[in-house]
N, C-alpha and C. Protein backbone atom coordinates (compact mmCIF):
# COMPACT_ATOMS: atom_id res chain seq x y z
N UNK A 1 -6.70 21.40 -31.16
CA UNK A 1 -6.06 21.44 -29.99
C UNK A 1 -5.50 22.96 -30.36
N UNK A 2 -5.23 23.55 -29.34
CA UNK A 2 -4.93 25.02 -29.18
C UNK A 2 -3.43 24.68 -28.74
N UNK A 3 -2.83 25.90 -28.96
CA UNK A 3 -1.05 26.23 -28.62
C UNK A 3 -1.28 25.78 -27.18
N UNK A 4 -1.80 26.52 -26.29
CA UNK A 4 -1.64 26.44 -24.82
C UNK A 4 -1.83 25.15 -24.50
N UNK A 5 -2.63 24.33 -25.29
CA UNK A 5 -2.90 22.96 -24.75
C UNK A 5 -1.34 21.95 -24.75
N UNK A 6 -0.52 22.32 -25.97
CA UNK A 6 0.82 22.08 -26.10
C UNK A 6 1.74 22.13 -25.04
N UNK A 7 1.68 23.56 -24.70
CA UNK A 7 2.49 23.86 -23.48
C UNK A 7 2.31 23.20 -22.39
N UNK A 8 1.29 23.14 -22.05
CA UNK A 8 0.74 22.21 -20.89
C UNK A 8 0.91 20.88 -20.71
N UNK A 9 0.31 19.83 -21.40
CA UNK A 9 0.64 18.99 -21.98
C UNK A 9 1.97 18.32 -21.77
N UNK A 10 2.50 17.13 -20.74
CA UNK A 10 3.63 16.87 -20.83
C UNK A 10 4.00 15.84 -21.56
N UNK A 11 3.19 15.46 -22.38
CA UNK A 11 3.55 14.13 -23.17
C UNK A 11 3.97 14.74 -24.18
N UNK A 12 3.49 16.22 -24.92
CA UNK A 12 3.87 16.83 -25.97
C UNK A 12 5.24 17.40 -25.88
N UNK A 13 5.85 17.13 -24.95
CA UNK A 13 7.11 17.54 -24.58
C UNK A 13 8.30 16.44 -25.30
N UNK A 14 9.39 16.81 -25.78
CA UNK A 14 10.11 15.93 -26.26
C UNK A 14 11.03 15.29 -25.24
N UNK A 15 11.83 13.88 -25.32
CA UNK A 15 12.46 13.22 -24.54
C UNK A 15 13.35 14.18 -23.96
N UNK A 16 14.01 15.33 -24.38
CA UNK A 16 15.47 15.84 -23.86
C UNK A 16 14.92 16.74 -22.64
N UNK A 17 13.92 16.75 -22.52
CA UNK A 17 13.10 17.64 -21.07
C UNK A 17 12.94 16.05 -20.04
N UNK A 18 13.02 16.33 -18.66
CA UNK A 18 13.27 15.17 -17.99
C UNK A 18 14.46 14.30 -17.30
N UNK A 19 13.92 12.77 -16.87
CA UNK A 19 15.16 12.32 -16.35
C UNK A 19 15.95 11.59 -17.53
N UNK A 20 15.21 11.41 -18.23
CA UNK A 20 15.76 10.28 -19.41
C UNK A 20 17.10 10.80 -20.25
N UNK A 21 17.29 12.10 -20.55
CA UNK A 21 17.78 12.74 -20.94
C UNK A 21 18.97 13.18 -20.32
N UNK A 22 18.86 13.49 -18.88
CA UNK A 22 19.39 13.72 -17.92
C UNK A 22 20.79 12.35 -17.69
N UNK A 23 19.82 11.43 -17.29
CA UNK A 23 20.41 10.04 -17.15
C UNK A 23 21.99 9.82 -18.26
N UNK A 24 21.73 10.01 -19.62
CA UNK A 24 22.20 9.26 -20.48
C UNK A 24 23.17 10.33 -20.61
N UNK A 25 23.34 11.87 -20.14
CA UNK A 25 24.19 12.76 -20.18
C UNK A 25 24.89 12.23 -18.91
N UNK A 26 24.65 11.91 -18.32
CA UNK A 26 25.17 11.25 -16.77
C UNK A 26 26.29 10.10 -17.06
N UNK A 27 25.60 9.44 -17.74
CA UNK A 27 26.29 8.09 -18.11
C UNK A 27 27.59 8.19 -18.95
N UNK A 28 27.26 9.34 -19.98
CA UNK A 28 28.40 9.46 -21.14
C UNK A 28 29.30 10.51 -20.38
N UNK A 29 28.99 11.31 -19.57
CA UNK A 29 30.13 11.85 -19.03
C UNK A 29 30.85 11.13 -17.58
N UNK A 30 30.37 10.33 -17.13
CA UNK A 30 31.08 9.52 -16.13
C UNK A 30 32.09 8.60 -17.03
N UNK A 31 32.21 8.33 -18.01
CA UNK A 31 33.19 7.11 -18.51
C UNK A 31 34.47 7.81 -18.78
N UNK A 32 34.32 9.17 -19.29
CA UNK A 32 35.80 9.79 -19.82
C UNK A 32 35.84 11.13 -19.27
N UNK A 33 35.46 11.52 -18.31
CA UNK A 33 35.60 12.97 -17.78
C UNK A 33 37.03 13.26 -17.46
N UNK A 34 38.16 12.35 -16.92
CA UNK A 34 39.36 12.70 -16.72
C UNK A 34 40.15 12.64 -18.09
N UNK A 35 39.77 12.09 -18.99
CA UNK A 35 40.35 11.83 -20.27
C UNK A 35 40.25 13.10 -21.11
N UNK A 36 39.13 13.34 -21.16
CA UNK A 36 38.37 14.73 -21.90
C UNK A 36 38.77 15.80 -21.16
N UNK A 37 39.02 15.74 -19.94
CA UNK A 37 39.12 17.09 -19.07
C UNK A 37 40.80 17.52 -19.47
N UNK A 38 41.75 16.21 -19.57
CA UNK A 38 43.16 16.65 -19.79
C UNK A 38 43.15 16.97 -21.40
N UNK A 39 42.58 16.26 -21.87
CA UNK A 39 42.45 16.53 -23.57
C UNK A 39 41.88 17.91 -24.02
N UNK A 40 41.03 18.30 -23.41
CA UNK A 40 40.53 20.05 -23.76
C UNK A 40 41.36 20.69 -22.63
N UNK A 41 41.98 20.69 -21.69
CA UNK A 41 42.85 21.68 -21.10
C UNK A 41 44.10 21.92 -22.07
N UNK A 42 44.93 20.65 -22.67
CA UNK A 42 45.85 20.36 -23.27
C UNK A 42 45.39 20.98 -24.95
N UNK A 43 44.18 21.01 -25.25
CA UNK A 43 43.98 21.80 -26.58
C UNK A 43 43.70 23.30 -25.86
N UNK A 44 42.93 23.83 -25.24
CA UNK A 44 42.80 25.06 -24.51
C UNK A 44 44.47 25.54 -24.53
N UNK A 45 45.10 25.26 -24.06
CA UNK A 45 46.72 25.60 -23.77
C UNK A 45 47.05 26.11 -25.15
N UNK A 46 47.09 25.09 -26.16
CA UNK A 46 47.42 25.44 -27.52
C UNK A 46 46.62 26.47 -28.10
N UNK A 47 45.62 26.24 -28.02
CA UNK A 47 44.81 27.67 -28.59
C UNK A 47 45.23 29.20 -27.97
N UNK A 48 45.34 28.87 -26.43
CA UNK A 48 46.07 30.47 -25.85
C UNK A 48 47.39 30.52 -26.35
N UNK A 49 48.27 29.76 -26.50
CA UNK A 49 49.57 30.00 -27.23
C UNK A 49 49.41 30.73 -28.42
N UNK A 50 48.67 30.00 -29.15
CA UNK A 50 48.39 30.41 -30.36
C UNK A 50 47.75 32.06 -30.48
N UNK A 51 46.92 32.26 -29.91
CA UNK A 51 46.24 33.17 -29.66
C UNK A 51 47.33 34.34 -29.20
N UNK A 52 48.03 34.28 -28.25
CA UNK A 52 49.10 35.13 -27.67
C UNK A 52 49.89 35.24 -29.02
N UNK A 53 50.78 34.38 -29.62
CA UNK A 53 51.38 34.45 -30.21
C UNK A 53 51.03 35.47 -31.65
N UNK A 54 49.56 35.14 -32.02
CA UNK A 54 49.20 35.94 -32.87
C UNK A 54 48.81 37.58 -32.33
N UNK A 55 48.56 37.83 -31.10
CA UNK A 55 48.40 39.04 -30.77
C UNK A 55 49.71 39.77 -30.66
N UNK A 56 50.77 39.02 -30.21
CA UNK A 56 52.15 39.65 -30.16
C UNK A 56 52.25 39.77 -31.60
N UNK A 57 52.33 39.33 -32.48
CA UNK A 57 52.86 39.53 -33.75
C UNK A 57 51.91 40.82 -34.27
N UNK A 58 50.32 41.05 -33.80
CA UNK A 58 49.89 41.98 -34.66
C UNK A 58 50.12 43.45 -34.04
N UNK A 59 50.91 42.99 -32.86
CA UNK A 59 51.48 44.55 -32.06
C UNK A 59 52.49 44.80 -32.63
N UNK A 60 53.17 44.03 -33.08
CA UNK A 60 54.43 44.38 -33.68
C UNK A 60 54.35 44.94 -35.12
N UNK A 61 53.11 44.56 -35.46
CA UNK A 61 52.77 44.82 -37.11
C UNK A 61 52.19 46.51 -36.72
N UNK A 62 51.55 46.76 -35.90
CA UNK A 62 51.00 48.32 -35.71
C UNK A 62 52.12 49.19 -35.06
N UNK A 63 53.17 48.67 -34.32
CA UNK A 63 54.21 49.26 -34.05
C UNK A 63 55.00 49.57 -35.43
N UNK A 64 55.13 48.78 -36.05
CA UNK A 64 56.05 49.28 -37.43
C UNK A 64 54.92 50.16 -38.19
N UNK A 65 53.73 49.76 -38.64
CA UNK A 65 52.75 50.56 -39.42
C UNK A 65 52.65 52.19 -38.69
N UNK A 66 52.59 52.13 -37.32
CA UNK A 66 52.19 53.44 -36.69
C UNK A 66 53.30 54.22 -35.81
N UNK A 67 54.41 54.45 -36.43
CA UNK A 67 55.55 54.36 -35.46
C UNK A 67 55.51 55.57 -34.20
N UNK A 68 54.84 56.42 -34.66
CA UNK A 68 54.47 57.92 -33.84
C UNK A 68 53.74 57.11 -32.64
N UNK A 69 52.43 56.63 -32.70
CA UNK A 69 51.63 56.06 -31.86
C UNK A 69 52.51 55.22 -30.92
N UNK A 70 53.51 54.36 -31.58
CA UNK A 70 54.15 53.58 -30.53
C UNK A 70 55.03 54.09 -29.98
N UNK A 71 56.22 55.34 -30.36
CA UNK A 71 57.12 56.24 -29.70
C UNK A 71 56.28 56.50 -28.44
N UNK A 72 54.86 57.09 -28.55
CA UNK A 72 53.93 57.87 -27.68
C UNK A 72 53.86 56.91 -26.55
N UNK A 73 53.10 55.59 -27.17
CA UNK A 73 53.10 54.55 -25.76
C UNK A 73 54.05 53.82 -25.10
N UNK A 74 55.57 54.03 -25.83
CA UNK A 74 56.34 54.02 -25.06
C UNK A 74 56.79 55.04 -23.91
N UNK A 75 56.68 56.11 -24.40
CA UNK A 75 57.01 57.34 -23.53
C UNK A 75 55.94 57.19 -22.36
N UNK A 76 54.93 56.84 -22.47
CA UNK A 76 53.80 57.00 -21.82
C UNK A 76 54.27 56.12 -20.45
N UNK A 77 54.91 54.79 -21.18
CA UNK A 77 54.95 53.59 -20.22
C UNK A 77 56.39 53.75 -19.34
N UNK A 78 57.12 54.69 -19.69
CA UNK A 78 58.24 55.15 -19.24
C UNK A 78 57.77 56.11 -17.96
N UNK A 79 56.89 57.05 -18.39
CA UNK A 79 56.70 57.87 -17.08
C UNK A 79 55.92 56.79 -16.34
N UNK A 80 54.88 56.08 -16.82
CA UNK A 80 54.35 55.23 -15.92
C UNK A 80 55.52 54.41 -14.83
N UNK A 81 56.02 54.35 -15.28
CA UNK A 81 57.49 53.21 -14.42
C UNK A 81 58.44 54.19 -13.81
N UNK A 82 58.28 55.25 -14.54
CA UNK A 82 59.40 56.49 -13.32
C UNK A 82 58.34 56.79 -12.30
N UNK A 83 57.12 56.68 -12.03
CA UNK A 83 56.36 57.52 -10.94
C UNK A 83 55.78 56.34 -10.14
N UNK A 84 55.68 55.54 -10.79
CA UNK A 84 55.53 54.01 -9.71
C UNK A 84 56.22 53.82 -8.43
N UNK A 85 55.65 53.98 -7.61
CA UNK A 85 56.52 53.41 -5.99
C UNK A 85 56.40 52.01 -5.56
N UNK A 86 57.16 51.25 -5.32
CA UNK A 86 57.56 50.46 -5.00
C UNK A 86 56.97 50.44 -3.17
């Protein structure tokens, strides 16, 4: 049997292709969608809060380690705010 025959033969494909795999995923997904969505949403918020804390800490560390660059960034921000028109 050649490689091309395996590609064309639907019986040679695994069970993941077709209605059987989709049906099983649909049944498993329908049972706890709301609960999983809330849990994953809470987990996402926790991960985001941790990321923002670490980002803030990293920015503070960078400002302490490179004071000249931090001062220049503050000056640029002040100039942007002065020239900003409401």
